[in-house]
Amino acid sequence: MTEGRTQIILWRHGQTTFNVENRFQGQLDAPLNDVGLAQAEVAAVGLSKLRIDAIYASPLQRAYITAQALAGRVDLPIATDDRLKEIDVGEWEGLYAEDIYRANPEFVLALGEGRDARRSPTGETGAEVAARMAEALREIASAHLGQTVVVASHGLAIRMGTAGVLGWDYPTSTTLASMSNCGWTMLAARPDSYWKLVTWNQRAEQLLH
């Protein structure tokens, strides 16, 4: 890599039962299911082919255990940061998406129009997630100049963190496809705070062939 440029790999956690059931997880500490554990191992094989210098993770176990699959292969510790957690959905935590949508038509309308909206009266907005994620990513990039860092996090948190460091507004962030379980996004950061989106939602298969 060019000296002084940091590569940040934002890695979504493996599958959970809540993902399969289409329920809002938010910051509920749901574990990986068997499929998710297998996904993490396969992705770790692919990521381990890169030169990884540091690993960070959300402390929620689905992200942390995903990170452990890579940490064991590259012999690196995992640093946790609460700012890397998924969006807080407040009182919607654990509820089925279809029930939330049925009870909150204004929220559905906002999503359909590409507008940001608070996830329940006690949860966060996308913009709030973007602010905390971007703050964490900038600090990580500054601490690892010229290195490659894997950050295990969550689908919406990765989307909003990417938008935050690139200076995108919420509607622009919605043009990105959803992150797959154990897919990752690569960002390049320069010391002058210039960030570049290198890849979006890359999968292990792309590195293993």
C-alpha atoms as a PDB file:
ATOM      1  CA  MET A   1       0.000   0.000   0.000  1.00  0.00           C
ATOM      2  CA  THR A   2       0.992   3.631  -0.443  1.00  0.00           C
ATOM      3  CA  GLU A   3       2.737   4.882   2.702  1.00  0.00           C
ATOM      4  CA  GLY A   4       0.373   6.784   4.966  1.00  0.00           C
ATOM      5  CA  ARG A   5      -2.796   5.329   3.475  1.00  0.00           C
ATOM      6  CA  THR A   6      -4.884   3.051   5.675  1.00  0.00           C
ATOM      7  CA  GLN A   7      -7.136   0.322   4.312  1.00  0.00           C
ATOM      8  CA  ILE A   8     -10.227  -0.341   6.401  1.00  0.00           C
ATOM      9  CA  ILE A   9     -12.137  -3.580   5.779  1.00  0.00           C
ATOM     10  CA  LEU A  10     -15.657  -3.372   7.206  1.00  0.00           C
ATOM     11  CA  TRP A  11     -16.790  -6.961   7.753  1.00  0.00           C
ATOM     12  CA  ARG A  12     -20.405  -7.817   8.480  1.00  0.00           C
ATOM     13  CA  HIS A  13     -21.061 -10.609  10.981  1.00  0.00           C
ATOM     14  CA  GLY A  14     -22.291 -14.066  10.043  1.00  0.00           C
ATOM     15  CA  GLN A  15     -25.913 -15.138   9.987  1.00  0.00           C
ATOM     16  CA  THR A  16     -28.091 -15.229  13.102  1.00  0.00           C
ATOM     17  CA  THR A  17     -31.500 -16.779  13.637  1.00  0.00           C
ATOM     18  CA  PHE A  18     -32.911 -13.251  13.842  1.00  0.00           C
ATOM     19  CA  ASN A  19     -31.614 -12.592  10.316  1.00  0.00           C
ATOM     20  CA  VAL A  20     -33.389 -15.697   9.038  1.00  0.00           C
ATOM     21  CA  GLU A  21     -36.616 -14.784  10.824  1.00  0.00           C
ATOM     22  CA  ASN A  22     -36.460 -11.167   9.578  1.00  0.00           C
ATOM     23  CA  ARG A  23     -36.567  -9.660  13.059  1.00  0.00           C
ATOM     24  CA  PHE A  24     -35.058  -6.371  14.182  1.00  0.00           C
ATOM     25  CA  GLN A  25     -31.881  -7.185  16.131  1.00  0.00           C
ATOM     26  CA  GLY A  26     -30.459  -3.766  16.811  1.00  0.00           C
ATOM     27  CA  GLN A  27     -28.169  -4.057  19.814  1.00  0.00           C
ATOM     28  CA  LEU A  28     -29.767  -7.273  21.089  1.00  0.00           C
ATOM     29  CA  ASP A  29     -26.844  -9.618  21.700  1.00  0.00           C
ATOM     30  CA  ALA A  30     -27.948 -12.467  19.439  1.00  0.00           C
ATOM     31  CA  PRO A  31     -25.434 -15.267  18.719  1.00  0.00           C
ATOM     32  CA  LEU A  32     -24.405 -16.636  15.344  1.00  0.00           C
ATOM     33  CA  ASN A  33     -26.305 -19.710  14.208  1.00  0.00           C
ATOM     34  CA  ASP A  34     -24.537 -22.726  12.686  1.00  0.00           C
ATOM     35  CA  VAL A  35     -24.667 -21.192   9.217  1.00  0.00           C
ATOM     36  CA  GLY A  36     -23.199 -17.961  10.565  1.00  0.00           C
ATOM     37  CA  LEU A  37     -20.336 -19.786  12.257  1.00  0.00           C
ATOM     38  CA  ALA A  38     -19.527 -21.565   8.995  1.00  0.00           C
ATOM     39  CA  GLN A  39     -19.745 -18.293   7.045  1.00  0.00           C
ATOM     40  CA  ALA A  40     -17.277 -16.677   9.429  1.00  0.00           C
ATOM     41  CA  GLU A  41     -14.768 -19.489   8.968  1.00  0.00           C
ATOM     42  CA  VAL A  42     -14.974 -19.351   5.165  1.00  0.00           C
ATOM     43  CA  ALA A  43     -14.662 -15.555   5.121  1.00  0.00           C
ATOM     44  CA  ALA A  44     -11.730 -15.730   7.540  1.00  0.00           C
ATOM     45  CA  VAL A  45      -9.868 -17.969   5.110  1.00  0.00           C
ATOM     46  CA  GLY A  46     -10.319 -15.360   2.395  1.00  0.00           C
ATOM     47  CA  LEU A  47      -9.402 -12.386   4.559  1.00  0.00           C
ATOM     48  CA  SER A  48      -6.360 -14.160   5.974  1.00  0.00           C
ATOM     49  CA  LYS A  49      -4.857 -14.074   2.474  1.00  0.00           C
ATOM     50  CA  LEU A  50      -4.536 -10.308   2.875  1.00  0.00           C
ATOM     51  CA  ARG A  51      -1.937  -8.628   5.051  1.00  0.00           C
ATOM     52  CA  ILE A  52      -3.972  -7.840   8.171  1.00  0.00           C
ATOM     53  CA  ASP A  53      -2.335  -5.599  10.764  1.00  0.00           C
ATOM     54  CA  ALA A  54      -5.140  -5.100  13.296  1.00  0.00           C
ATOM     55  CA  ILE A  55      -8.664  -6.276  14.102  1.00  0.00           C
ATOM     56  CA  TYR A  56     -11.455  -4.280  15.718  1.00  0.00           C
ATOM     57  CA  ALA A  57     -15.002  -5.426  16.483  1.00  0.00           C
ATOM     58  CA  SER A  58     -18.333  -4.429  17.863  1.00  0.00           C
ATOM     59  CA  PRO A  59     -18.636  -6.016  21.313  1.00  0.00           C
ATOM     60  CA  LEU A  60     -21.938  -7.659  20.335  1.00  0.00           C
ATOM     61  CA  GLN A  61     -21.178 -11.372  20.184  1.00  0.00           C
ATOM     62  CA  ARG A  62     -22.301 -11.915  16.591  1.00  0.00           C
ATOM     63  CA  ALA A  63     -19.603  -9.488  15.425  1.00  0.00           C
ATOM     64  CA  TYR A  64     -16.987 -10.441  18.010  1.00  0.00           C
ATOM     65  CA  ILE A  65     -17.248 -14.183  17.318  1.00  0.00           C
ATOM     66  CA  THR A  66     -17.042 -13.457  13.594  1.00  0.00           C
ATOM     67  CA  ALA A  67     -13.832 -11.517  14.271  1.00  0.00           C
ATOM     68  CA  GLN A  68     -12.454 -14.414  16.330  1.00  0.00           C
ATOM     69  CA  ALA A  69     -12.522 -16.649  13.262  1.00  0.00           C
ATOM     70  CA  LEU A  70     -10.003 -14.330  11.595  1.00  0.00           C
ATOM     71  CA  ALA A  71      -8.022 -13.481  14.727  1.00  0.00           C
ATOM     72  CA  GLY A  72      -7.197 -17.148  15.252  1.00  0.00           C
ATOM     73  CA  ARG A  73      -5.811 -17.433  11.739  1.00  0.00           C
ATOM     74  CA  VAL A  74      -3.658 -14.305  11.739  1.00  0.00           C
ATOM     75  CA  ASP A  75      -2.689 -14.371  15.437  1.00  0.00           C
ATOM     76  CA  LEU A  76      -3.921 -10.895  16.290  1.00  0.00           C
ATOM     77  CA  PRO A  77      -5.890  -9.575  19.288  1.00  0.00           C
ATOM     78  CA  ILE A  78      -9.342  -8.026  18.889  1.00  0.00           C
ATOM     79  CA  ALA A  79     -10.010  -4.493  20.130  1.00  0.00           C
ATOM     80  CA  THR A  80     -13.667  -3.706  20.819  1.00  0.00           C
ATOM     81  CA  ASP A  81     -15.423  -0.358  20.484  1.00  0.00           C
ATOM     82  CA  ASP A  82     -19.043   0.344  21.460  1.00  0.00           C
ATOM     83  CA  ARG A  83     -19.340   2.815  18.562  1.00  0.00           C
ATOM     84  CA  LEU A  84     -19.141  -0.119  16.140  1.00  0.00           C
ATOM     85  CA  LYS A  85     -22.444  -1.599  17.376  1.00  0.00           C
ATOM     86  CA  GLU A  86     -25.503  -1.925  15.162  1.00  0.00           C
ATOM     87  CA  ILE A  87     -28.159   0.775  15.168  1.00  0.00           C
ATOM     88  CA  ASP A  88     -30.142   0.903  18.413  1.00  0.00           C
ATOM     89  CA  VAL A  89     -33.762   0.074  17.543  1.00  0.00           C
ATOM     90  CA  GLY A  90     -35.027   0.657  21.061  1.00  0.00           C
ATOM     91  CA  GLU A  91     -38.384  -0.930  21.816  1.00  0.00           C
ATOM     92  CA  TRP A  92     -38.493  -2.605  18.391  1.00  0.00           C
ATOM     93  CA  GLU A  93     -35.673  -4.936  19.418  1.00  0.00           C
ATOM     94  CA  GLY A  94     -36.547  -8.574  18.709  1.00  0.00           C
ATOM     95  CA  LEU A  95     -39.800  -7.783  16.883  1.00  0.00           C
ATOM     96  CA  TYR A  96     -40.651  -9.148  13.456  1.00  0.00           C
ATOM     97  CA  ALA A  97     -40.141  -6.622  10.673  1.00  0.00           C
ATOM     98  CA  GLU A  98     -43.609  -7.210   9.264  1.00  0.00           C
ATOM     99  CA  ASP A  99     -45.189  -6.354  12.633  1.00  0.00           C
ATOM    100  CA  ILE A 100     -43.130  -3.170  12.925  1.00  0.00           C
ATOM    101  CA  TYR A 101     -44.048  -2.082   9.410  1.00  0.00           C
ATOM    102  CA  ARG A 102     -47.755  -2.792   9.991  1.00  0.00           C
ATOM    103  CA  ALA A 103     -47.811  -0.740  13.189  1.00  0.00           C
ATOM    104  CA  ASN A 104     -45.684   2.146  11.899  1.00  0.00           C
ATOM    105  CA  PRO A 105     -46.811   3.241   8.421  1.00  0.00           C
ATOM    106  CA  GLU A 106     -44.960   6.573   8.667  1.00  0.00           C
ATOM    107  CA  PHE A 107     -41.704   4.694   9.169  1.00  0.00           C
ATOM    108  CA  VAL A 108     -42.441   2.556   6.114  1.00  0.00           C
ATOM    109  CA  LEU A 109     -43.198   5.693   4.098  1.00  0.00           C
ATOM    110  CA  ALA A 110     -39.926   7.286   5.151  1.00  0.00           C
ATOM    111  CA  LEU A 111     -37.964   4.190   4.137  1.00  0.00           C
ATOM    112  CA  GLY A 112     -39.747   4.046   0.798  1.00  0.00           C
ATOM    113  CA  GLU A 113     -38.869   7.672   0.096  1.00  0.00           C
ATOM    114  CA  GLY A 114     -35.245   7.275   1.149  1.00  0.00           C
ATOM    115  CA  ARG A 115     -35.658   9.457   4.239  1.00  0.00           C
ATOM    116  CA  ASP A 116     -33.979   8.856   7.571  1.00  0.00           C
ATOM    117  CA  ALA A 117     -36.218   7.921  10.487  1.00  0.00           C
ATOM    118  CA  ARG A 118     -35.766   7.020  14.131  1.00  0.00           C
ATOM    119  CA  ARG A 119     -35.959   3.290  14.793  1.00  0.00           C
ATOM    120  CA  SER A 120     -38.732   3.392  17.420  1.00  0.00           C
ATOM    121  CA  PRO A 121     -39.221   6.333  19.789  1.00  0.00           C
ATOM    122  CA  THR A 122     -36.291   5.112  21.897  1.00  0.00           C
ATOM    123  CA  GLY A 123     -33.884   4.100  19.113  1.00  0.00           C
ATOM    124  CA  GLU A 124     -31.370   5.845  16.867  1.00  0.00           C
ATOM    125  CA  THR A 125     -31.551   7.443  13.446  1.00  0.00           C
ATOM    126  CA  GLY A 126     -29.264   6.492  10.604  1.00  0.00           C
ATOM    127  CA  ALA A 127     -27.531   9.868  10.878  1.00  0.00           C
ATOM    128  CA  GLU A 128     -26.714   9.223  14.529  1.00  0.00           C
ATOM    129  CA  VAL A 129     -25.161   5.876  13.623  1.00  0.00           C
ATOM    130  CA  ALA A 130     -23.178   7.527  10.813  1.00  0.00           C
ATOM    131  CA  ALA A 131     -21.733  10.071  13.249  1.00  0.00           C
ATOM    132  CA  ARG A 132     -20.512   7.535  15.828  1.00  0.00           C
ATOM    133  CA  MET A 133     -19.280   5.046  13.250  1.00  0.00           C
ATOM    134  CA  ALA A 134     -17.398   7.705  11.289  1.00  0.00           C
ATOM    135  CA  GLU A 135     -15.784   8.993  14.473  1.00  0.00           C
ATOM    136  CA  ALA A 136     -14.581   5.483  15.338  1.00  0.00           C
ATOM    137  CA  LEU A 137     -13.330   4.749  11.812  1.00  0.00           C
ATOM    138  CA  ARG A 138     -11.383   8.002  11.595  1.00  0.00           C
ATOM    139  CA  GLU A 139      -9.703   7.253  14.912  1.00  0.00           C
ATOM    140  CA  ILE A 140      -8.858   3.710  13.809  1.00  0.00           C
ATOM    141  CA  ALA A 141      -7.430   4.966  10.511  1.00  0.00           C
ATOM    142  CA  SER A 142      -5.294   7.566  12.289  1.00  0.00           C
ATOM    143  CA  ALA A 143      -3.937   4.933  14.674  1.00  0.00           C
ATOM    144  CA  HIS A 144      -2.935   2.575  11.833  1.00  0.00           C
ATOM    145  CA  LEU A 145      -1.403   4.723   9.110  1.00  0.00           C
ATOM    146  CA  GLY A 146      -0.314   2.635   6.149  1.00  0.00           C
ATOM    147  CA  GLN A 147      -1.835  -0.540   7.574  1.00  0.00           C
ATOM    148  CA  THR A 148      -4.783  -2.817   6.796  1.00  0.00           C
ATOM    149  CA  VAL A 149      -7.407  -3.068   9.523  1.00  0.00           C
ATOM    150  CA  VAL A 150     -10.443  -5.350   9.695  1.00  0.00           C
ATOM    151  CA  VAL A 151     -13.472  -3.953  11.530  1.00  0.00           C
ATOM    152  CA  ALA A 152     -16.195  -6.523  12.313  1.00  0.00           C
ATOM    153  CA  SER A 153     -19.524  -4.765  12.599  1.00  0.00           C
ATOM    154  CA  HIS A 154     -23.135  -4.847  11.376  1.00  0.00           C
ATOM    155  CA  GLY A 155     -25.084  -4.266   8.189  1.00  0.00           C
ATOM    156  CA  LEU A 156     -26.660  -0.869   8.749  1.00  0.00           C
ATOM    157  CA  ALA A 157     -23.740   0.332  10.864  1.00  0.00           C
ATOM    158  CA  ILE A 158     -21.364  -0.454   7.987  1.00  0.00           C
ATOM    159  CA  ARG A 159     -23.595   1.338   5.485  1.00  0.00           C
ATOM    160  CA  MET A 160     -23.873   4.436   7.655  1.00  0.00           C
ATOM    161  CA  GLY A 161     -20.213   4.394   8.673  1.00  0.00           C
ATOM    162  CA  THR A 162     -19.260   4.297   5.006  1.00  0.00           C
ATOM    163  CA  ALA A 163     -21.600   7.187   4.275  1.00  0.00           C
ATOM    164  CA  GLY A 164     -20.226   9.112   7.240  1.00  0.00           C
ATOM    165  CA  VAL A 165     -16.561   9.000   6.224  1.00  0.00           C
ATOM    166  CA  LEU A 166     -17.387   9.663   2.559  1.00  0.00           C
ATOM    167  CA  GLY A 167     -19.533  12.683   3.434  1.00  0.00           C
ATOM    168  CA  TRP A 168     -22.737  11.227   1.970  1.00  0.00           C
ATOM    169  CA  ASP A 169     -26.214  12.146   3.172  1.00  0.00           C
ATOM    170  CA  TYR A 170     -28.773   9.523   4.160  1.00  0.00           C
ATOM    171  CA  PRO A 171     -30.565   9.314   0.771  1.00  0.00           C
ATOM    172  CA  THR A 172     -27.231   8.668  -0.950  1.00  0.00           C
ATOM    173  CA  SER A 173     -26.446   5.868   1.497  1.00  0.00           C
ATOM    174  CA  THR A 174     -29.626   4.037   0.458  1.00  0.00           C
ATOM    175  CA  THR A 175     -28.246   3.585  -3.078  1.00  0.00           C
ATOM    176  CA  LEU A 176     -25.862   0.942  -1.708  1.00  0.00           C
ATOM    177  CA  ALA A 177     -27.064  -2.660  -1.823  1.00  0.00           C
ATOM    178  CA  SER A 178     -27.580  -4.497   1.456  1.00  0.00           C
ATOM    179  CA  MET A 179     -24.510  -6.097   2.995  1.00  0.00           C
ATOM    180  CA  SER A 180     -24.487  -9.899   2.911  1.00  0.00           C
ATOM    181  CA  ASN A 181     -23.723 -11.864   6.058  1.00  0.00           C
ATOM    182  CA  CYS A 182     -19.904 -12.061   6.206  1.00  0.00           C
ATOM    183  CA  GLY A 183     -19.522  -9.763   3.216  1.00  0.00           C
ATOM    184  CA  TRP A 184     -17.062  -6.898   3.557  1.00  0.00           C
ATOM    185  CA  THR A 185     -16.447  -3.412   2.246  1.00  0.00           C
ATOM    186  CA  MET A 186     -13.025  -1.851   1.670  1.00  0.00           C
ATOM    187  CA  LEU A 187     -12.286   1.815   2.315  1.00  0.00           C
ATOM    188  CA  ALA A 188      -8.995   3.637   1.797  1.00  0.00           C
ATOM    189  CA  ALA A 189      -8.179   6.588   4.053  1.00  0.00           C
ATOM    190  CA  ARG A 190      -5.456   9.213   3.745  1.00  0.00           C
ATOM    191  CA  PRO A 191      -4.012  11.261   6.620  1.00  0.00           C
ATOM    192  CA  ASP A 192      -5.696  14.388   5.223  1.00  0.00           C
ATOM    193  CA  SER A 193      -9.091  12.723   5.855  1.00  0.00           C
ATOM    194  CA  TYR A 194      -9.753  11.935   2.187  1.00  0.00           C
ATOM    195  CA  TRP A 195     -11.613   8.600   2.007  1.00  0.00           C
ATOM    196  CA  LYS A 196     -12.333   6.380  -0.974  1.00  0.00           C
ATOM    197  CA  LEU A 197     -14.765   3.480  -1.405  1.00  0.00           C
ATOM    198  CA  VAL A 198     -12.719   0.651  -2.946  1.00  0.00           C
ATOM    199  CA  THR A 199     -15.170  -2.288  -2.926  1.00  0.00           C
ATOM    200  CA  TRP A 200     -18.660  -2.915  -1.581  1.00  0.00           C
ATOM    201  CA  ASN A 201     -20.006  -6.221  -0.266  1.00  0.00           C
ATOM    202  CA  GLN A 202     -17.095  -8.389  -1.373  1.00  0.00           C
ATOM    203  CA  ARG A 203     -17.343 -12.103  -0.612  1.00  0.00           C
ATOM    204  CA  ALA A 204     -14.743 -14.697   0.331  1.00  0.00           C
ATOM    205  CA  GLU A 205     -15.274 -16.571  -2.930  1.00  0.00           C
ATOM    206  CA  GLN A 206     -13.761 -13.615  -4.796  1.00  0.00           C
ATOM    207  CA  LEU A 207     -10.444 -14.092  -2.948  1.00  0.00           C
ATOM    208  CA  LEU A 208     -10.378 -17.877  -2.945  1.00  0.00           C
ATOM    209  CA  HIS A 209     -10.450 -18.362  -6.732  1.00  0.00           C
END
